[in-house]
Amino acid sequence: MSLLADARAVINAGPVCDSCLGRVFADRSFGLSNAERGRGLRTAVALEKDEPYESVDPEECWVCEGECGRFDEWADRAVAAIGDSEFESYQVGTKTPPLIEENDELLRMDAGLETDAGELFKSNMNREVGKRIGRQTGTDVEFGRPDVQITLELDGDRLETKLNSAFVYGRYRKLERDIPQTEWPCRECHASGYKGKLSCEHCGGTGYLYPESIEQLTAPVVMDVMDGTEATFHGAGREDVDARMLGTGRPFVIEVEEPYRRRIDTERLEGDINAFAEGKAEVEGLRLASYEMVERIKELDASKTYRAFVEFAAEVTDAELQEAIETLDGATIEQYTPKRVDHRRAGLTRVREVFAASAELEDARHAVVDIHGEGGLYIKELISGDDGRTEPSLADVLGVNAVVTDLDVLAVEGVDEPFEREEFFIS
């Protein structure tokens, strides 16, 4: 059948508004809204039969039951619900009542058309309401992960808005030892501070094994500035509690839920965090980031450069140390799960590479050892041997027991490609 014949069949199926009429033929003409397409087809059918043009009010439409006349109303309600929250992108979704879905299908069946012809009711609803929101707010629709998700629930005449999380990327340096990356709740009292009716002796009644963490020194400040409801810290791996994180710092992302503000001054935020941390930690390079940066942080295949301060159980010479460190330089290391973490890690043998190693003897019993290694390489065990669990190790090669007294991380970098690609940031 021709387009006009099909349009006549739809019109004859009952009172149908221009939007619902035009929707049926959305895949057969382009460049018009469904309402414009519907009016054009209705006009053409009337001229073909030399009949008077008769429009149909959406309230009288048996398919949408008046919903196509409420685009402006829904948009106004959405903008009011979002209020003064800052956003750049949005998406509209519609929960279509079962009766309208059934009417949509019956319309096509009664007209003798394919049931999937044209466009669905909810697609039209999403677009038309969305266009009006965009015009009112000067923002853009985003089909991936928008700043605001708007849901129209037609059956209950309800509208919901959800402010999606915002993300701030940066690198942190931990300048003091004995600070964990994230909160460390006490396992004995389950962070309550109490064992029964008594204060928990294990944590001193604080509920935490450590009073502060990098998360606690950074995330609350970001949450406050962005006026969010909660903040989560995502780090690119983590260092030991007793290790400092120096040099280029460790990449991280702070995720802020339901942020009221998004257009923040990241340079000022950087200063606020550093002041709040009071010299225990510092951040740099803060930038607004996309959701994809969180996944990139978690999946980062990072190599790390360490500086280990080593103590020997017996005296060693510089020649002996240099010969031993040459053995480790470029070596492949087999490490069975270290004793210090075997309570929380599976018992496995892991193979890791030492990309570079160097050492400087301070005196006959002390040295500074720099290691650039593959992600997941246990440095303390590379030095001590961990009673044979790590092979080779500096202690085994030297034939002298060795321990790391202090450890610093100097660099954390992606090994396959530049980590901080522009596509993961928001300008």
Protein backbone atom coordinates (compact mmCIF):
# COMPACT_ATOMS: atom_id res chain seq x y z
CA MET A 1 0.00 0.00 0.00
CA SER A 2 1.05 3.62 -0.50
CA LEU A 3 1.98 5.93 2.34
CA LEU A 4 -1.29 7.84 2.02
CA ALA A 5 -3.33 4.64 1.94
CA ASP A 6 -1.61 3.43 5.10
CA ALA A 7 -2.14 6.80 6.76
CA ARG A 8 -5.84 6.68 5.85
CA ALA A 9 -6.07 3.23 7.44
CA VAL A 10 -4.54 4.52 10.68
CA ILE A 11 -6.86 7.54 10.73
CA ASN A 12 -9.87 5.31 10.15
CA ALA A 13 -8.85 3.06 13.08
CA GLY A 14 -10.18 5.67 15.47
CA PRO A 15 -9.43 9.16 16.78
CA VAL A 16 -5.63 9.41 16.81
CA CYS A 17 -3.58 12.53 17.53
CA ASP A 18 -0.95 13.87 15.14
CA SER A 19 1.95 12.54 17.21
CA CYS A 20 0.58 9.00 17.32
CA LEU A 21 -0.30 9.14 13.61
CA GLY A 22 3.14 10.41 12.64
CA ARG A 23 4.92 7.86 14.84
CA VAL A 24 3.65 4.96 12.77
CA PHE A 25 5.51 6.34 9.73
CA ALA A 26 8.66 7.61 11.47
CA ASP A 27 10.79 5.22 9.43
CA ARG A 28 9.28 6.29 6.12
CA SER A 29 9.95 10.03 6.18
CA PHE A 30 12.58 12.12 7.88
CA GLY A 31 13.37 15.63 9.09
CA LEU A 32 10.05 16.18 10.85
CA SER A 33 8.71 15.65 14.34
CA ASN A 34 6.04 12.99 14.60
CA ALA A 35 3.41 15.67 15.22
CA GLU A 36 4.49 17.55 12.07
CA ARG A 37 4.54 14.33 10.09
CA GLY A 38 1.08 13.42 11.38
CA ARG A 39 -0.37 16.82 10.46
CA GLY A 40 1.12 16.56 6.99
CA LEU A 41 -0.31 13.09 6.39
CA ARG A 42 -3.72 14.10 7.76
CA THR A 43 -3.75 17.13 5.44
CA ALA A 44 -2.73 15.02 2.42
CA VAL A 45 -5.43 12.43 3.12
CA ALA A 46 -8.06 15.16 3.44
CA LEU A 47 -6.98 16.80 0.15
CA GLU A 48 -6.94 13.45 -1.66
CA LYS A 49 -10.57 12.82 -0.74
CA ASP A 50 -11.55 16.50 -0.93
CA GLU A 51 -12.67 16.26 2.69
CA PRO A 52 -12.39 18.89 5.43
CA TYR A 53 -9.28 18.70 7.56
CA GLU A 54 -10.13 17.57 11.10
CA SER A 55 -7.47 17.60 13.79
CA VAL A 56 -7.65 15.36 16.85
CA ASP A 57 -6.89 16.70 20.31
CA PRO A 58 -4.45 14.40 22.20
CA GLU A 59 -7.07 14.16 24.96
CA GLU A 60 -9.33 12.38 22.47
CA CYS A 61 -6.60 10.04 21.18
CA TRP A 62 -7.40 6.44 22.07
CA VAL A 63 -3.75 5.41 21.69
CA CYS A 64 -1.80 7.78 23.99
CA GLU A 65 -4.82 8.81 26.09
CA GLY A 66 -3.71 12.45 26.11
CA GLU A 67 -0.04 11.93 26.99
CA CYS A 68 1.18 13.45 23.72
CA GLY A 69 -0.40 16.71 24.82
CA ARG A 70 1.64 16.81 28.02
CA PHE A 71 5.17 17.19 26.66
CA ASP A 72 5.50 20.77 27.95
CA GLU A 73 4.03 19.85 31.33
CA TRP A 74 6.43 16.95 31.88
CA ALA A 75 9.39 19.11 30.84
CA ASP A 76 8.38 21.88 33.23
CA ARG A 77 8.06 19.36 36.07
CA ALA A 78 11.48 17.88 35.28
CA VAL A 79 13.22 21.25 35.26
CA ALA A 80 11.54 22.18 38.56
CA ALA A 81 12.58 18.85 40.12
CA ILE A 82 16.22 19.32 39.09
CA GLY A 83 16.14 22.78 40.59
CA ASP A 84 19.46 24.61 40.84
CA SER A 85 21.61 21.49 40.62
CA GLU A 86 24.44 21.99 38.13
CA PHE A 87 24.44 19.68 35.12
CA GLU A 88 25.56 19.61 31.51
CA SER A 89 23.76 16.52 30.19
CA TYR A 90 20.56 14.61 30.78
CA GLN A 91 18.55 11.64 29.59
CA VAL A 92 14.81 11.03 29.70
CA GLY A 93 13.25 7.62 30.15
CA THR A 94 9.56 6.74 30.15
CA LYS A 95 7.75 3.94 31.95
CA THR A 96 4.91 3.32 29.52
CA PRO A 97 1.62 2.03 30.93
CA PRO A 98 0.72 -1.46 29.63
CA LEU A 99 -2.54 -0.12 28.17
CA ILE A 100 -0.72 2.42 25.97
CA GLU A 101 1.74 -0.26 24.82
CA GLU A 102 -1.24 -2.46 23.91
CA ASN A 103 -2.98 0.42 22.13
CA ASP A 104 0.22 1.11 20.17
CA GLU A 105 0.24 -2.46 18.89
CA LEU A 106 -3.50 -2.57 18.20
CA LEU A 107 -3.29 0.65 16.15
CA ARG A 108 -0.91 -0.96 13.70
CA MET A 109 -2.80 -4.25 13.62
CA ASP A 110 -6.14 -2.51 12.90
CA ALA A 111 -4.49 -0.59 10.06
CA GLY A 112 -3.00 -3.78 8.63
CA LEU A 113 0.58 -2.71 9.31
CA GLU A 114 3.56 -4.45 10.93
CA THR A 115 3.37 -4.19 14.71
CA ASP A 116 6.89 -2.76 14.87
CA ALA A 117 6.34 -0.16 12.16
CA GLY A 118 7.59 3.34 12.90
CA GLU A 119 8.57 4.43 16.39
CA LEU A 120 7.52 3.33 19.85
CA PHE A 121 5.45 5.63 22.03
CA LYS A 122 8.12 5.88 24.73
CA SER A 123 10.82 6.85 22.22
CA ASN A 124 8.71 9.76 21.04
CA MET A 125 7.92 10.72 24.63
CA ASN A 126 11.57 10.68 25.62
CA ARG A 127 12.65 12.82 22.69
CA GLU A 128 9.86 15.41 22.83
CA VAL A 129 10.11 15.96 26.57
CA GLY A 130 13.90 15.89 26.31
CA LYS A 131 13.99 18.57 23.61
CA ARG A 132 11.99 20.88 25.81
CA ILE A 133 14.22 20.27 28.82
CA GLY A 134 17.27 21.04 26.71
CA ARG A 135 15.80 24.30 25.47
CA GLN A 136 14.90 25.42 28.99
CA THR A 137 18.23 24.54 30.59
CA GLY A 138 20.74 24.98 27.76
CA THR A 139 22.02 21.44 28.30
CA ASP A 140 22.45 18.44 26.00
CA VAL A 141 20.97 14.98 25.89
CA GLU A 142 23.45 12.17 26.61
CA PHE A 143 22.64 8.53 25.94
CA GLY A 144 25.68 7.10 27.73
CA ARG A 145 26.05 8.33 31.29
CA PRO A 146 24.35 11.72 31.68
CA ASP A 147 24.66 14.02 34.67
CA VAL A 148 20.92 13.71 35.30
CA GLN A 149 18.59 10.78 34.62
CA ILE A 150 14.90 11.73 34.38
CA THR A 151 12.22 9.05 34.56
CA LEU A 152 8.59 9.68 33.64
CA GLU A 153 6.22 7.20 35.29
CA LEU A 154 2.97 7.84 33.47
CA ASP A 155 0.77 5.37 35.33
CA GLY A 156 1.33 7.02 38.69
CA ASP A 157 1.80 10.51 37.23
CA ARG A 158 5.20 10.61 38.93
CA LEU A 159 8.55 12.00 37.87
CA GLU A 160 11.91 10.95 39.29
CA THR A 161 15.28 12.62 38.83
CA LYS A 162 18.60 11.06 39.67
CA LEU A 163 21.83 13.04 39.85
CA ASN A 164 24.53 10.67 38.64
CA SER A 165 27.92 10.71 40.33
CA ALA A 166 30.66 13.18 39.51
CA PHE A 167 34.33 12.20 39.48
CA VAL A 168 37.54 14.01 40.42
CA TYR A 169 40.88 12.55 39.35
CA GLY A 170 44.28 13.32 40.79
CA ARG A 171 47.46 11.88 42.25
CA TYR A 172 48.25 11.74 45.95
CA ARG A 173 51.44 11.60 47.93
CA LYS A 174 51.40 10.08 51.40
CA LEU A 175 54.06 11.92 53.36
CA GLU A 176 53.77 10.06 56.66
CA ARG A 177 53.88 6.36 57.46
CA ASP A 178 51.15 4.33 59.15
CA ILE A 179 48.31 5.88 57.16
CA PRO A 180 46.20 3.42 55.14
CA GLN A 181 44.73 4.36 51.79
CA THR A 182 41.12 3.78 52.85
CA GLU A 183 39.27 3.51 56.15
CA TRP A 184 40.38 0.46 58.14
CA PRO A 185 37.49 -0.67 60.40
CA CYS A 186 38.33 -2.77 63.42
CA ARG A 187 37.59 -6.44 62.80
CA GLU A 188 37.04 -7.14 66.47
CA CYS A 189 34.18 -4.69 67.08
CA HIS A 190 33.09 -4.31 63.43
CA ALA A 191 33.72 -0.55 63.57
CA SER A 192 31.32 -0.03 66.49
CA GLY A 193 34.00 0.72 69.09
CA TYR A 194 32.43 -1.70 71.54
CA LYS A 195 32.78 -5.37 72.52
CA GLY A 196 29.52 -6.06 74.24
CA LYS A 197 29.07 -3.21 76.70
CA LEU A 198 32.77 -2.48 77.01
CA SER A 199 34.97 -0.30 74.85
CA CYS A 200 36.90 -2.36 72.30
CA GLU A 201 40.50 -2.79 73.49
CA HIS A 202 41.72 -3.75 70.02
CA CYS A 203 41.01 -0.31 68.53
CA GLY A 204 40.81 1.75 71.72
CA GLY A 205 37.10 2.28 71.22
CA THR A 206 37.52 4.23 67.98
CA GLY A 207 36.11 1.54 65.70
CA TYR A 208 39.16 1.91 63.42
CA LEU A 209 42.67 0.46 63.52
CA TYR A 210 44.08 3.73 62.17
CA PRO A 211 42.61 7.13 63.02
CA GLU A 212 43.11 8.56 59.51
CA SER A 213 43.41 7.40 55.92
CA ILE A 214 44.08 9.00 52.55
CA GLU A 215 40.35 8.58 51.89
CA GLN A 216 39.45 10.45 55.08
CA LEU A 217 41.94 13.21 54.30
CA THR A 218 40.59 13.82 50.78
CA ALA A 219 37.08 12.51 50.06
CA PRO A 220 35.16 14.57 52.66
CA VAL A 221 36.61 17.79 51.24
CA VAL A 222 35.58 16.88 47.68
CA MET A 223 32.11 15.84 48.85
CA ASP A 224 31.67 19.12 50.71
CA VAL A 225 32.79 21.27 47.76
CA MET A 226 30.55 19.41 45.31
CA ASP A 227 27.71 19.31 47.86
CA GLY A 228 27.16 15.57 47.44
CA THR A 229 25.64 12.94 49.71
CA GLU A 230 28.54 10.48 49.80
CA ALA A 231 32.06 10.11 48.45
CA THR A 232 34.01 6.98 47.54
CA PHE A 233 37.78 6.77 47.06
CA HIS A 234 39.16 4.65 44.19
CA GLY A 235 42.93 4.18 44.13
CA ALA A 236 45.18 2.68 41.47
CA GLY A 237 46.36 -0.13 43.71
CA ARG A 238 47.64 0.62 47.18
CA GLU A 239 50.85 0.81 49.16
CA ASP A 240 51.57 -0.82 52.52
CA VAL A 241 50.32 1.12 55.52
CA ASP A 242 53.88 1.71 56.70
CA ALA A 243 55.12 2.83 53.26
CA ARG A 244 55.16 6.41 52.07
CA MET A 245 53.88 7.32 48.61
CA LEU A 246 56.24 9.94 47.22
CA GLY A 247 57.56 11.09 43.84
CA THR A 248 54.93 11.34 41.12
CA GLY A 249 52.18 10.13 43.44
CA ARG A 250 49.50 7.46 43.05
CA PRO A 251 46.52 8.02 40.71
CA PHE A 252 43.08 8.09 42.32
CA VAL A 253 39.49 9.05 41.61
CA ILE A 254 36.97 10.30 44.13
CA GLU A 255 33.36 9.56 43.20
CA VAL A 256 30.77 11.96 44.61
CA GLU A 257 27.17 10.77 44.67
CA GLU A 258 24.28 13.15 43.93
CA PRO A 259 26.47 16.26 43.52
CA TYR A 260 24.60 19.55 43.65
CA ARG A 261 27.63 21.32 42.18
CA ARG A 262 29.75 20.10 39.26
CA ARG A 263 31.43 23.24 37.92
CA ILE A 264 34.12 23.44 40.58
CA ASP A 265 37.53 25.10 40.64
CA THR A 266 39.84 22.08 40.86
CA GLU A 267 42.91 24.23 41.62
CA ARG A 268 41.15 25.69 44.62
CA LEU A 269 39.93 22.23 45.64
CA GLU A 270 43.53 21.00 45.49
CA GLY A 271 44.53 23.74 47.93
CA ASP A 272 41.62 22.94 50.23
CA ILE A 273 42.56 19.25 50.42
CA ASN A 274 46.22 19.97 51.07
CA ALA A 275 45.34 22.41 53.85
CA PHE A 276 42.93 19.88 55.39
CA ALA A 277 45.57 17.10 55.28
CA GLU A 278 48.01 19.26 57.28
CA GLY A 279 51.17 17.85 55.71
CA LYS A 280 50.24 14.19 56.16
CA ALA A 281 49.35 13.90 52.49
CA GLU A 282 49.03 16.11 49.45
CA VAL A 283 47.30 15.94 46.09
CA GLU A 284 48.06 17.43 42.71
CA GLY A 285 46.73 17.47 39.16
CA LEU A 286 43.06 17.43 40.15
CA ARG A 287 40.74 17.30 37.15
CA LEU A 288 37.09 16.52 36.53
CA ALA A 289 36.90 13.04 35.05
CA SER A 290 34.37 10.75 33.42
CA TYR A 291 32.98 7.50 34.84
CA GLU A 292 35.32 5.57 32.55
CA MET A 293 38.29 6.82 34.57
CA VAL A 294 37.13 4.75 37.56
CA GLU A 295 37.32 1.58 35.49
CA ARG A 296 40.69 2.67 34.12
CA ILE A 297 41.99 3.23 37.66
CA LYS A 298 40.81 -0.21 38.77
CA GLU A 299 42.24 -1.99 35.75
CA LEU A 300 45.52 -0.08 35.59
CA ASP A 301 48.40 -2.43 34.82
CA ALA A 302 50.91 -0.32 36.68
CA SER A 303 54.62 -0.70 37.15
CA LYS A 304 56.03 0.85 40.30
CA THR A 305 59.34 2.26 41.43
CA TYR A 306 60.29 1.66 45.06
CA ARG A 307 63.04 2.79 47.39
CA ALA A 308 63.76 0.28 50.15
CA PHE A 309 65.90 1.02 53.19
CA VAL A 310 67.56 -2.29 53.98
CA GLU A 311 69.30 -3.65 57.07
CA PHE A 312 71.58 -6.70 56.90
CA ALA A 313 72.13 -9.22 59.69
CA ALA A 314 75.86 -9.28 58.93
CA GLU A 315 78.33 -6.99 57.28
CA VAL A 316 78.47 -6.89 53.46
CA THR A 317 80.85 -5.14 51.10
CA ASP A 318 79.87 -2.82 48.29
CA ALA A 319 81.23 -5.32 45.76
CA GLU A 320 79.07 -8.09 47.21
CA LEU A 321 76.01 -5.85 47.19
CA GLN A 322 76.54 -4.73 43.58
CA GLU A 323 77.05 -8.33 42.41
CA ALA A 324 73.85 -9.38 44.15
CA ILE A 325 71.79 -6.48 42.80
CA GLU A 326 72.98 -7.25 39.26
CA THR A 327 71.45 -10.70 39.69
CA LEU A 328 68.08 -9.12 40.47
CA ASP A 329 68.30 -6.48 37.72
CA GLY A 330 65.97 -7.77 34.96
CA ALA A 331 65.24 -11.02 36.83
CA THR A 332 62.03 -13.03 36.77
CA ILE A 333 60.80 -13.54 40.34
CA GLU A 334 58.58 -16.32 41.67
CA GLN A 335 56.69 -15.34 44.80
CA TYR A 336 54.41 -17.57 46.82
CA THR A 337 51.82 -15.58 48.77
CA PRO A 338 53.78 -13.77 51.53
CA LYS A 339 53.23 -14.77 55.14
CA ARG A 340 52.14 -11.25 56.07
CA VAL A 341 49.16 -11.33 53.68
CA ASP A 342 48.30 -15.03 53.51
CA HIS A 343 45.33 -14.48 55.83
CA ARG A 344 43.62 -12.41 53.14
CA ARG A 345 45.17 -13.66 49.87
CA ALA A 346 44.89 -17.01 48.13
CA GLY A 347 47.96 -19.23 48.35
CA LEU A 348 49.43 -18.88 44.85
CA THR A 349 52.81 -18.60 43.19
CA ARG A 350 52.99 -15.34 41.25
CA VAL A 351 55.58 -14.59 38.60
CA ARG A 352 56.70 -10.96 38.35
CA GLU A 353 59.48 -9.07 36.56
CA VAL A 354 62.12 -6.76 38.00
CA PHE A 355 62.62 -4.17 35.27
CA ALA A 356 65.55 -2.43 36.95
CA ALA A 357 67.43 -2.62 40.24
CA SER A 358 70.23 -0.58 41.82
CA ALA A 359 71.69 -0.24 45.30
CA GLU A 360 73.93 2.05 47.32
CA LEU A 361 75.69 0.84 50.45
CA GLU A 362 75.39 3.31 53.32
CA ASP A 363 77.55 1.30 55.71
CA ALA A 364 78.41 -2.36 56.15
CA ARG A 365 74.97 -3.16 57.59
CA HIS A 366 72.68 -0.74 55.70
CA ALA A 367 71.83 0.01 52.06
CA VAL A 368 69.32 1.89 49.94
CA VAL A 369 67.85 -0.27 47.16
CA ASP A 370 65.80 1.10 44.23
CA ILE A 371 63.53 -1.33 42.39
CA HIS A 372 61.40 -0.72 39.30
CA GLY A 373 59.08 -3.71 39.13
CA GLU A 374 55.98 -5.13 37.58
CA GLY A 375 52.69 -4.48 39.34
CA GLY A 376 52.08 -7.00 42.11
CA LEU A 377 55.77 -7.52 42.94
CA TYR A 378 56.22 -7.78 46.72
CA ILE A 379 59.29 -5.66 47.49
CA LYS A 380 59.78 -6.54 51.14
CA GLU A 381 59.86 -10.21 50.24
CA LEU A 382 62.13 -9.56 47.25
CA ILE A 383 64.64 -8.29 49.82
CA SER A 384 64.10 -10.81 52.65
CA GLY A 385 63.19 -13.95 50.69
CA ASP A 386 60.28 -14.60 53.10
CA ASP A 387 61.81 -17.91 54.25
CA GLY A 388 62.17 -19.17 50.70
CA ARG A 389 58.75 -18.08 49.45
CA THR A 390 60.37 -15.54 47.09
CA GLU A 391 63.08 -16.71 44.67
CA PRO A 392 65.50 -15.20 43.94
CA SER A 393 65.81 -12.60 46.70
CA LEU A 394 68.53 -10.20 47.77
CA ALA A 395 69.06 -12.07 51.06
CA ASP A 396 69.46 -15.43 49.32
CA VAL A 397 71.84 -14.10 46.67
CA LEU A 398 73.97 -12.37 49.30
CA GLY A 399 73.75 -15.23 51.76
CA VAL A 400 72.93 -12.70 54.48
CA ASN A 401 69.57 -12.11 56.11
CA ALA A 402 68.10 -8.77 55.06
CA VAL A 403 64.97 -6.85 56.00
CA VAL A 404 63.29 -3.68 54.79
CA THR A 405 63.18 -1.17 57.62
CA ASP A 406 61.37 1.51 55.59
CA LEU A 407 59.77 1.55 52.16
CA ASP A 408 58.83 4.40 49.84
CA VAL A 409 56.92 4.23 46.56
CA LEU A 410 58.36 6.74 44.12
CA ALA A 411 56.25 6.26 40.99
CA VAL A 412 53.11 4.47 39.75
CA GLU A 413 52.74 4.41 36.00
CA GLY A 414 50.74 2.59 33.32
CA VAL A 415 53.06 0.26 31.42
CA ASP A 416 51.21 -0.21 28.12
CA GLU A 417 50.12 3.31 27.16
CA PRO A 418 49.83 6.83 28.58
CA PHE A 419 47.50 6.56 31.55
CA GLU A 420 46.05 10.05 31.61
CA ARG A 421 44.44 10.25 28.17
CA GLU A 422 42.31 13.33 27.45
CA GLU A 423 39.25 11.28 26.54
CA PHE A 424 38.77 10.34 30.20
CA PHE A 425 38.52 13.94 31.42
CA ILE A 426 35.86 16.63 31.31
CA SER A 427 37.01 19.99 30.02
